[in-house]
Amino acid sequence: MAEETLKVPTMAELTAAGESPEILFWVGCAGSFDDRAKKITRAFVSILNKLDVKFAVLGTEESCTGDPAKRAGNEFLFQVQAMTNIQVLNGYNIKKIVTTCPHCFNTLKNEYPELGGNYDVIHHTQFLQELINQGKLKFKGGAFKGKKITFHDPCYLGRGNNEYEAPRELLEKLDADLAEMKHCRAKGLCCGAGGAQMFKEAEKGNKEVNIERTEEALEVNPDIIATGCPFCNTMMTDGVKNFNKEGSVKVFDLAELVMEAQDV
């Protein structure tokens, strides 16, 4: 099957043509450079293309939000990175930003305003839910009928920003059987990648956090572990591999599941 050709306009291109997008899609470092996370980016763009949502990306003008630097304690580097991005965003008069990464979402939404970056920032699960409510996004029935899916709440989406419903409402639309883990919603357990832990060796302990979390997910015997964060996706995938379950349990981002079930 030929790979889908995606249309991904940049802000520079739209501005040169005298146009402005409905949303700016903030891709994030993971979504730009990590091979697994690129699939999430492609899935989300595919949905936007099929629904004719007018969007743009910054392309080479996008740099890291500064989240890893800030969480690792380097406030100076964070502010340098943030101010660089704010200058670009304000230069394009950006109003609404959608991102597939809760770390980018949280930083752009909650850390940027005090540095002069004020935007309407939403997570891609919230945006997809908006598209459903507007009657634009529809699903073909039965794509995941009979499949048991458990959702892992990303820290910066759930406990950080109190968004638990949008991801679950999307899963309900997929005709799947949603099975909740022992720790979910406000009592969700971190995958182990947050706070810049993704980029360092683990400290000595009895068990890796992602192994603990994957054990909880496997307890409900899911066919699919759904995530809404590229870092969670990596950690849960590694956890599934640790238990040699990758043949029977798949880890997907909600954008990938929505793309699979989308009725176009």
C-alpha atoms as a PDB file:
ATOM      1  CA  MET A   1       0.000   0.000   0.000  1.00  0.00           C
ATOM      2  CA  ALA A   2       1.417   3.399  -1.005  1.00  0.00           C
ATOM      3  CA  GLU A   3       2.225   5.712   1.875  1.00  0.00           C
ATOM      4  CA  GLU A   4      -0.248   8.542   2.294  1.00  0.00           C
ATOM      5  CA  THR A   5       0.973  11.910   1.016  1.00  0.00           C
ATOM      6  CA  LEU A   6       0.447  14.479   3.730  1.00  0.00           C
ATOM      7  CA  LYS A   7       0.037  18.227   3.293  1.00  0.00           C
ATOM      8  CA  VAL A   8       1.971  20.064   6.002  1.00  0.00           C
ATOM      9  CA  PRO A   9       2.139  23.819   5.348  1.00  0.00           C
ATOM     10  CA  THR A  10       4.516  25.990   7.357  1.00  0.00           C
ATOM     11  CA  MET A  11       3.629  29.333   8.927  1.00  0.00           C
ATOM     12  CA  ALA A  12       6.215  30.992   6.682  1.00  0.00           C
ATOM     13  CA  GLU A  13       4.464  29.612   3.568  1.00  0.00           C
ATOM     14  CA  LEU A  14       0.981  30.649   4.702  1.00  0.00           C
ATOM     15  CA  THR A  15       2.160  34.101   5.743  1.00  0.00           C
ATOM     16  CA  ALA A  16       3.864  34.611   2.388  1.00  0.00           C
ATOM     17  CA  ALA A  17       0.551  33.733   0.725  1.00  0.00           C
ATOM     18  CA  GLY A  18      -1.288  36.226   2.948  1.00  0.00           C
ATOM     19  CA  GLU A  19      -3.146  33.469   4.804  1.00  0.00           C
ATOM     20  CA  SER A  20      -3.456  32.439   8.430  1.00  0.00           C
ATOM     21  CA  PRO A  21      -4.289  28.997   9.884  1.00  0.00           C
ATOM     22  CA  GLU A  22      -7.107  27.981  12.195  1.00  0.00           C
ATOM     23  CA  ILE A  23      -4.533  26.306  14.438  1.00  0.00           C
ATOM     24  CA  LEU A  24      -0.785  26.058  14.801  1.00  0.00           C
ATOM     25  CA  PHE A  25       0.219  22.418  15.243  1.00  0.00           C
ATOM     26  CA  TRP A  26       3.142  22.359  17.688  1.00  0.00           C
ATOM     27  CA  VAL A  27       4.932  19.142  16.740  1.00  0.00           C
ATOM     28  CA  GLY A  28       7.450  18.977  19.608  1.00  0.00           C
ATOM     29  CA  CYS A  29      10.904  17.405  19.698  1.00  0.00           C
ATOM     30  CA  ALA A  30       9.642  13.827  20.121  1.00  0.00           C
ATOM     31  CA  GLY A  31       7.110  14.203  17.323  1.00  0.00           C
ATOM     32  CA  SER A  32       9.790  15.648  15.046  1.00  0.00           C
ATOM     33  CA  PHE A  33      12.762  13.400  15.712  1.00  0.00           C
ATOM     34  CA  ASP A  34      11.737  10.162  17.462  1.00  0.00           C
ATOM     35  CA  ASP A  35      10.870   7.466  14.915  1.00  0.00           C
ATOM     36  CA  ARG A  36       7.962   6.077  16.957  1.00  0.00           C
ATOM     37  CA  ALA A  37       6.551   9.515  17.809  1.00  0.00           C
ATOM     38  CA  LYS A  38       6.731  10.554  14.139  1.00  0.00           C
ATOM     39  CA  LYS A  39       3.963   8.009  13.502  1.00  0.00           C
ATOM     40  CA  ILE A  40       1.770   9.866  16.000  1.00  0.00           C
ATOM     41  CA  THR A  41       2.535  13.145  14.216  1.00  0.00           C
ATOM     42  CA  ARG A  42       1.644  11.605  10.856  1.00  0.00           C
ATOM     43  CA  ALA A  43      -1.600  10.172  12.239  1.00  0.00           C
ATOM     44  CA  PHE A  44      -2.704  13.534  13.610  1.00  0.00           C
ATOM     45  CA  VAL A  45      -1.791  15.366  10.386  1.00  0.00           C
ATOM     46  CA  SER A  46      -3.660  12.709   8.389  1.00  0.00           C
ATOM     47  CA  ILE A  47      -6.812  13.429  10.422  1.00  0.00           C
ATOM     48  CA  LEU A  48      -6.403  17.193   9.903  1.00  0.00           C
ATOM     49  CA  ASN A  49      -5.871  16.723   6.151  1.00  0.00           C
ATOM     50  CA  LYS A  50      -8.936  14.516   5.745  1.00  0.00           C
ATOM     51  CA  LEU A  51     -11.129  17.002   7.613  1.00  0.00           C
ATOM     52  CA  ASP A  52      -9.674  19.993   5.723  1.00  0.00           C
ATOM     53  CA  VAL A  53      -8.632  21.690   8.956  1.00  0.00           C
ATOM     54  CA  LYS A  54      -6.543  24.729   8.081  1.00  0.00           C
ATOM     55  CA  PHE A  55      -3.355  24.342  10.092  1.00  0.00           C
ATOM     56  CA  ALA A  56       0.348  25.077   9.868  1.00  0.00           C
ATOM     57  CA  VAL A  57       3.566  24.088  11.619  1.00  0.00           C
ATOM     58  CA  LEU A  58       6.593  26.222  12.369  1.00  0.00           C
ATOM     59  CA  GLY A  59       8.934  23.714  10.761  1.00  0.00           C
ATOM     60  CA  THR A  60      12.587  24.673  11.274  1.00  0.00           C
ATOM     61  CA  GLU A  61      11.459  27.732  13.261  1.00  0.00           C
ATOM     62  CA  GLU A  62      10.147  25.478  16.058  1.00  0.00           C
ATOM     63  CA  SER A  63      12.573  24.631  18.850  1.00  0.00           C
ATOM     64  CA  CYS A  64      12.208  22.823  22.180  1.00  0.00           C
ATOM     65  CA  THR A  65       9.702  24.445  24.552  1.00  0.00           C
ATOM     66  CA  GLY A  66      12.299  24.169  27.319  1.00  0.00           C
ATOM     67  CA  ASP A  67      10.319  21.677  29.410  1.00  0.00           C
ATOM     68  CA  PRO A  68      13.201  19.182  29.911  1.00  0.00           C
ATOM     69  CA  ALA A  69      15.601  21.982  30.860  1.00  0.00           C
ATOM     70  CA  LYS A  70      13.144  23.478  33.367  1.00  0.00           C
ATOM     71  CA  ARG A  71      12.263  20.148  34.969  1.00  0.00           C
ATOM     72  CA  ALA A  72      15.957  19.275  35.247  1.00  0.00           C
ATOM     73  CA  GLY A  73      16.541  22.554  37.092  1.00  0.00           C
ATOM     74  CA  ASN A  74      18.115  24.717  34.367  1.00  0.00           C
ATOM     75  CA  GLU A  75      15.812  27.735  34.566  1.00  0.00           C
ATOM     76  CA  PHE A  76      18.186  29.923  32.549  1.00  0.00           C
ATOM     77  CA  LEU A  77      18.207  27.562  29.556  1.00  0.00           C
ATOM     78  CA  PHE A  78      14.421  27.219  29.808  1.00  0.00           C
ATOM     79  CA  GLN A  79      13.934  30.986  29.609  1.00  0.00           C
ATOM     80  CA  VAL A  80      16.318  31.287  26.652  1.00  0.00           C
ATOM     81  CA  GLN A  81      14.433  28.553  24.773  1.00  0.00           C
ATOM     82  CA  ALA A  82      11.027  29.945  25.746  1.00  0.00           C
ATOM     83  CA  MET A  83      11.841  33.524  24.734  1.00  0.00           C
ATOM     84  CA  THR A  84      13.108  32.309  21.343  1.00  0.00           C
ATOM     85  CA  ASN A  85       9.830  30.498  20.710  1.00  0.00           C
ATOM     86  CA  ILE A  86       7.667  33.340  22.004  1.00  0.00           C
ATOM     87  CA  GLN A  87       9.408  35.759  19.644  1.00  0.00           C
ATOM     88  CA  VAL A  88       8.574  33.488  16.697  1.00  0.00           C
ATOM     89  CA  LEU A  89       4.977  32.803  17.824  1.00  0.00           C
ATOM     90  CA  ASN A  90       4.205  36.462  18.505  1.00  0.00           C
ATOM     91  CA  GLY A  91       5.839  37.416  15.213  1.00  0.00           C
ATOM     92  CA  TYR A  92       3.240  35.272  13.453  1.00  0.00           C
ATOM     93  CA  ASN A  93       0.456  36.531  15.746  1.00  0.00           C
ATOM     94  CA  ILE A  94      -0.406  32.956  16.788  1.00  0.00           C
ATOM     95  CA  LYS A  95      -3.633  32.603  18.765  1.00  0.00           C
ATOM     96  CA  LYS A  96      -4.416  28.863  19.004  1.00  0.00           C
ATOM     97  CA  ILE A  97      -1.919  26.023  19.433  1.00  0.00           C
ATOM     98  CA  VAL A  98      -2.605  22.276  19.379  1.00  0.00           C
ATOM     99  CA  THR A  99       0.047  19.768  20.412  1.00  0.00           C
ATOM    100  CA  THR A 100       0.245  15.975  20.722  1.00  0.00           C
ATOM    101  CA  CYS A 101       2.691  16.237  23.656  1.00  0.00           C
ATOM    102  CA  PRO A 102       1.369  17.007  27.175  1.00  0.00           C
ATOM    103  CA  HIS A 103       4.813  18.348  28.163  1.00  0.00           C
ATOM    104  CA  CYS A 104       4.684  20.947  25.372  1.00  0.00           C
ATOM    105  CA  PHE A 105       1.001  21.535  26.173  1.00  0.00           C
ATOM    106  CA  ASN A 106       1.657  22.238  29.851  1.00  0.00           C
ATOM    107  CA  THR A 107       4.702  24.443  29.228  1.00  0.00           C
ATOM    108  CA  LEU A 108       3.108  26.535  26.459  1.00  0.00           C
ATOM    109  CA  LYS A 109      -0.139  26.871  28.417  1.00  0.00           C
ATOM    110  CA  ASN A 110       1.123  27.475  31.942  1.00  0.00           C
ATOM    111  CA  GLU A 111       4.766  28.620  31.784  1.00  0.00           C
ATOM    112  CA  TYR A 112       4.821  30.882  28.720  1.00  0.00           C
ATOM    113  CA  PRO A 113       2.262  33.559  29.783  1.00  0.00           C
ATOM    114  CA  GLU A 114       4.549  35.088  32.417  1.00  0.00           C
ATOM    115  CA  LEU A 115       7.214  35.459  29.721  1.00  0.00           C
ATOM    116  CA  GLY A 116       4.865  37.193  27.280  1.00  0.00           C
ATOM    117  CA  GLY A 117       3.491  34.201  25.405  1.00  0.00           C
ATOM    118  CA  ASN A 118      -0.303  34.137  25.722  1.00  0.00           C
ATOM    119  CA  TYR A 119      -2.047  31.535  23.561  1.00  0.00           C
ATOM    120  CA  ASP A 120      -5.077  29.270  23.576  1.00  0.00           C
ATOM    121  CA  VAL A 121      -3.250  25.947  24.000  1.00  0.00           C
ATOM    122  CA  ILE A 122      -5.063  22.606  23.770  1.00  0.00           C
ATOM    123  CA  HIS A 123      -4.029  18.964  23.700  1.00  0.00           C
ATOM    124  CA  HIS A 124      -4.804  16.967  20.572  1.00  0.00           C
ATOM    125  CA  THR A 125      -7.339  14.786  22.423  1.00  0.00           C
ATOM    126  CA  GLN A 126      -9.271  17.943  23.358  1.00  0.00           C
ATOM    127  CA  PHE A 127      -9.103  19.210  19.778  1.00  0.00           C
ATOM    128  CA  LEU A 128     -10.310  15.886  18.373  1.00  0.00           C
ATOM    129  CA  GLN A 129     -13.191  15.981  20.854  1.00  0.00           C
ATOM    130  CA  GLU A 130     -14.017  19.506  19.624  1.00  0.00           C
ATOM    131  CA  LEU A 131     -14.131  18.197  16.042  1.00  0.00           C
ATOM    132  CA  ILE A 132     -16.552  15.433  17.131  1.00  0.00           C
ATOM    133  CA  ASN A 133     -18.780  17.960  18.918  1.00  0.00           C
ATOM    134  CA  GLN A 134     -18.839  20.100  15.755  1.00  0.00           C
ATOM    135  CA  GLY A 135     -19.915  17.072  13.731  1.00  0.00           C
ATOM    136  CA  LYS A 136     -16.767  17.166  11.584  1.00  0.00           C
ATOM    137  CA  LEU A 137     -15.056  14.033  12.890  1.00  0.00           C
ATOM    138  CA  LYS A 138     -17.069  10.844  12.429  1.00  0.00           C
ATOM    139  CA  PHE A 139     -16.210   7.187  12.969  1.00  0.00           C
ATOM    140  CA  LYS A 140     -16.942   4.076  10.955  1.00  0.00           C
ATOM    141  CA  GLY A 141     -18.514   1.544  13.286  1.00  0.00           C
ATOM    142  CA  GLY A 142     -16.741  -1.499  14.609  1.00  0.00           C
ATOM    143  CA  ALA A 143     -13.079  -0.607  14.004  1.00  0.00           C
ATOM    144  CA  PHE A 144     -12.243  -1.631  17.576  1.00  0.00           C
ATOM    145  CA  LYS A 145     -15.365  -3.617  18.500  1.00  0.00           C
ATOM    146  CA  GLY A 146     -14.524  -6.388  20.953  1.00  0.00           C
ATOM    147  CA  LYS A 147     -11.114  -4.858  21.731  1.00  0.00           C
ATOM    148  CA  LYS A 148     -10.262  -4.095  25.331  1.00  0.00           C
ATOM    149  CA  ILE A 149      -8.401  -0.793  25.681  1.00  0.00           C
ATOM    150  CA  THR A 150      -6.898   0.696  28.829  1.00  0.00           C
ATOM    151  CA  PHE A 151      -5.893   4.365  28.914  1.00  0.00           C
ATOM    152  CA  HIS A 152      -2.749   5.592  30.663  1.00  0.00           C
ATOM    153  CA  ASP A 153      -3.250   9.183  31.878  1.00  0.00           C
ATOM    154  CA  PRO A 154      -0.210  11.361  31.057  1.00  0.00           C
ATOM    155  CA  CYS A 155       0.798  13.338  34.164  1.00  0.00           C
ATOM    156  CA  TYR A 156       0.773  16.733  32.473  1.00  0.00           C
ATOM    157  CA  LEU A 157      -2.604  16.139  30.852  1.00  0.00           C
ATOM    158  CA  GLY A 158      -4.362  14.549  33.825  1.00  0.00           C
ATOM    159  CA  ARG A 159      -3.123  15.610  37.217  1.00  0.00           C
ATOM    160  CA  GLY A 160      -1.236  18.603  35.790  1.00  0.00           C
ATOM    161  CA  ASN A 161      -4.157  20.101  33.866  1.00  0.00           C
ATOM    162  CA  ASN A 162      -7.194  18.160  35.087  1.00  0.00           C
ATOM    163  CA  GLU A 163      -8.141  16.714  31.682  1.00  0.00           C
ATOM    164  CA  TYR A 164      -9.444  13.182  32.064  1.00  0.00           C
ATOM    165  CA  GLU A 165     -12.622  13.181  29.978  1.00  0.00           C
ATOM    166  CA  ALA A 166     -11.549  14.046  26.409  1.00  0.00           C
ATOM    167  CA  PRO A 167      -9.353  10.935  25.946  1.00  0.00           C
ATOM    168  CA  ARG A 168     -11.995   8.636  27.403  1.00  0.00           C
ATOM    169  CA  GLU A 169     -14.798  10.155  25.344  1.00  0.00           C
ATOM    170  CA  LEU A 170     -12.712   9.478  22.230  1.00  0.00           C
ATOM    171  CA  LEU A 171     -12.227   5.854  23.279  1.00  0.00           C
ATOM    172  CA  GLU A 172     -15.964   5.422  23.897  1.00  0.00           C
ATOM    173  CA  LYS A 173     -16.621   6.576  20.324  1.00  0.00           C
ATOM    174  CA  LEU A 174     -14.379   3.744  19.054  1.00  0.00           C
ATOM    175  CA  ASP A 175     -16.810   1.017  20.234  1.00  0.00           C
ATOM    176  CA  ALA A 176     -14.021  -0.384  22.394  1.00  0.00           C
ATOM    177  CA  ASP A 177     -14.312  -1.843  25.879  1.00  0.00           C
ATOM    178  CA  LEU A 178     -12.580   0.691  28.147  1.00  0.00           C
ATOM    179  CA  ALA A 179     -10.927  -0.999  31.137  1.00  0.00           C
ATOM    180  CA  GLU A 180      -9.506   1.263  33.837  1.00  0.00           C
ATOM    181  CA  MET A 181      -6.257   0.484  35.634  1.00  0.00           C
ATOM    182  CA  LYS A 182      -6.018   0.306  39.415  1.00  0.00           C
ATOM    183  CA  HIS A 183      -4.433   3.780  39.439  1.00  0.00           C
ATOM    184  CA  CYS A 184      -6.216   6.053  36.953  1.00  0.00           C
ATOM    185  CA  ARG A 185      -7.493   9.585  36.543  1.00  0.00           C
ATOM    186  CA  ALA A 186      -6.453  11.745  39.536  1.00  0.00           C
ATOM    187  CA  LYS A 187      -4.718   8.718  41.084  1.00  0.00           C
ATOM    188  CA  GLY A 188      -2.831   7.887  37.881  1.00  0.00           C
ATOM    189  CA  LEU A 189       0.726   6.625  38.093  1.00  0.00           C
ATOM    190  CA  CYS A 190       3.573   8.265  36.166  1.00  0.00           C
ATOM    191  CA  CYS A 191       5.167   6.269  33.325  1.00  0.00           C
ATOM    192  CA  GLY A 192       8.605   7.264  34.607  1.00  0.00           C
ATOM    193  CA  ALA A 193       9.671   9.652  31.831  1.00  0.00           C
ATOM    194  CA  GLY A 194       8.547  13.006  33.275  1.00  0.00           C
ATOM    195  CA  GLY A 195      10.744  15.574  34.978  1.00  0.00           C
ATOM    196  CA  ALA A 196      13.486  14.989  32.365  1.00  0.00           C
ATOM    197  CA  GLN A 197      13.894  11.412  33.665  1.00  0.00           C
ATOM    198  CA  MET A 198      13.553  10.274  30.025  1.00  0.00           C
ATOM    199  CA  PHE A 199      17.042  11.590  29.335  1.00  0.00           C
ATOM    200  CA  LYS A 200      19.050  10.099  32.194  1.00  0.00           C
ATOM    201  CA  GLU A 201      19.927   6.743  33.662  1.00  0.00           C
ATOM    202  CA  ALA A 202      17.576   5.530  36.381  1.00  0.00           C
ATOM    203  CA  GLU A 203      18.643   5.752  40.007  1.00  0.00           C
ATOM    204  CA  LYS A 204      19.080   2.532  41.921  1.00  0.00           C
ATOM    205  CA  GLY A 205      15.849   1.020  43.191  1.00  0.00           C
ATOM    206  CA  ASN A 206      13.775  -2.144  43.370  1.00  0.00           C
ATOM    207  CA  LYS A 207      11.807  -1.640  40.161  1.00  0.00           C
ATOM    208  CA  GLU A 208      11.582   0.737  37.204  1.00  0.00           C
ATOM    209  CA  VAL A 209       8.516   2.998  37.301  1.00  0.00           C
ATOM    210  CA  ASN A 210       7.447   2.011  33.784  1.00  0.00           C
ATOM    211  CA  ILE A 211       7.568  -1.677  34.739  1.00  0.00           C
ATOM    212  CA  GLU A 212       5.278  -0.984  37.705  1.00  0.00           C
ATOM    213  CA  ARG A 213       2.890   0.937  35.473  1.00  0.00           C
ATOM    214  CA  THR A 214       2.921  -1.692  32.724  1.00  0.00           C
ATOM    215  CA  GLU A 215       2.133  -4.389  35.294  1.00  0.00           C
ATOM    216  CA  GLU A 216      -0.990  -2.408  36.241  1.00  0.00           C
ATOM    217  CA  ALA A 217      -1.976  -2.126  32.591  1.00  0.00           C
ATOM    218  CA  LEU A 218      -1.463  -5.845  31.930  1.00  0.00           C
ATOM    219  CA  GLU A 219      -3.587  -6.741  34.980  1.00  0.00           C
ATOM    220  CA  VAL A 220      -6.727  -5.714  33.054  1.00  0.00           C
ATOM    221  CA  ASN A 221      -5.748  -7.976  30.095  1.00  0.00           C
ATOM    222  CA  PRO A 222      -5.930  -5.273  27.406  1.00  0.00           C
ATOM    223  CA  ASP A 223      -5.534  -5.708  23.670  1.00  0.00           C
ATOM    224  CA  ILE A 224      -4.336  -2.091  23.463  1.00  0.00           C
ATOM    225  CA  ILE A 225      -2.709   0.332  25.891  1.00  0.00           C
ATOM    226  CA  ALA A 226      -3.713   3.825  24.739  1.00  0.00           C
ATOM    227  CA  THR A 227      -1.628   6.897  25.523  1.00  0.00           C
ATOM    228  CA  GLY A 228      -1.797  10.600  24.784  1.00  0.00           C
ATOM    229  CA  CYS A 229       1.909  11.387  25.101  1.00  0.00           C
ATOM    230  CA  PRO A 230       4.977  10.328  23.072  1.00  0.00           C
ATOM    231  CA  PHE A 231       7.054   9.820  26.233  1.00  0.00           C
ATOM    232  CA  CYS A 232       4.388   7.642  27.857  1.00  0.00           C
ATOM    233  CA  ASN A 233       4.208   5.715  24.590  1.00  0.00           C
ATOM    234  CA  THR A 234       7.935   4.937  24.729  1.00  0.00           C
ATOM    235  CA  MET A 235       7.873   3.919  28.388  1.00  0.00           C
ATOM    236  CA  MET A 236       4.795   1.715  28.073  1.00  0.00           C
ATOM    237  CA  THR A 237       6.148   0.103  24.889  1.00  0.00           C
ATOM    238  CA  ASP A 238       9.406  -0.711  26.697  1.00  0.00           C
ATOM    239  CA  GLY A 239       7.369  -2.095  29.594  1.00  0.00           C
ATOM    240  CA  VAL A 240       5.346  -4.372  27.295  1.00  0.00           C
ATOM    241  CA  LYS A 241       8.585  -5.616  25.712  1.00  0.00           C
ATOM    242  CA  ASN A 242       9.983  -6.326  29.178  1.00  0.00           C
ATOM    243  CA  PHE A 243       7.130  -8.802  29.717  1.00  0.00           C
ATOM    244  CA  ASN A 244       7.480 -10.234  26.178  1.00  0.00           C
ATOM    245  CA  LYS A 245       3.886  -9.218  25.433  1.00  0.00           C
ATOM    246  CA  GLU A 246       4.472  -7.117  22.302  1.00  0.00           C
ATOM    247  CA  GLY A 247       2.860  -9.831  20.180  1.00  0.00           C
ATOM    248  CA  SER A 248      -0.474  -9.612  22.023  1.00  0.00           C
ATOM    249  CA  VAL A 249      -0.584  -6.104  23.545  1.00  0.00           C
ATOM    250  CA  LYS A 250      -0.116  -3.015  21.367  1.00  0.00           C
ATOM    251  CA  VAL A 251       0.641   0.536  22.508  1.00  0.00           C
ATOM    252  CA  PHE A 252      -0.968   3.306  20.447  1.00  0.00           C
ATOM    253  CA  ASP A 253      -1.545   7.021  20.760  1.00  0.00           C
ATOM    254  CA  LEU A 254      -5.182   8.118  20.609  1.00  0.00           C
ATOM    255  CA  ALA A 255      -4.481   9.936  17.332  1.00  0.00           C
ATOM    256  CA  GLU A 256      -3.476   6.613  15.758  1.00  0.00           C
ATOM    257  CA  LEU A 257      -6.647   4.922  16.998  1.00  0.00           C
ATOM    258  CA  VAL A 258      -8.828   7.803  15.773  1.00  0.00           C
ATOM    259  CA  MET A 259      -7.127   7.739  12.351  1.00  0.00           C
ATOM    260  CA  GLU A 260      -7.839   3.988  12.097  1.00  0.00           C
ATOM    261  CA  ALA A 261     -11.527   4.460  12.947  1.00  0.00           C
ATOM    262  CA  GLN A 262     -12.105   7.740  11.090  1.00  0.00           C
ATOM    263  CA  ASP A 263     -14.942   7.694   8.586  1.00  0.00           C
ATOM    264  CA  VAL A 264     -13.977   9.735   5.511  1.00  0.00           C
END
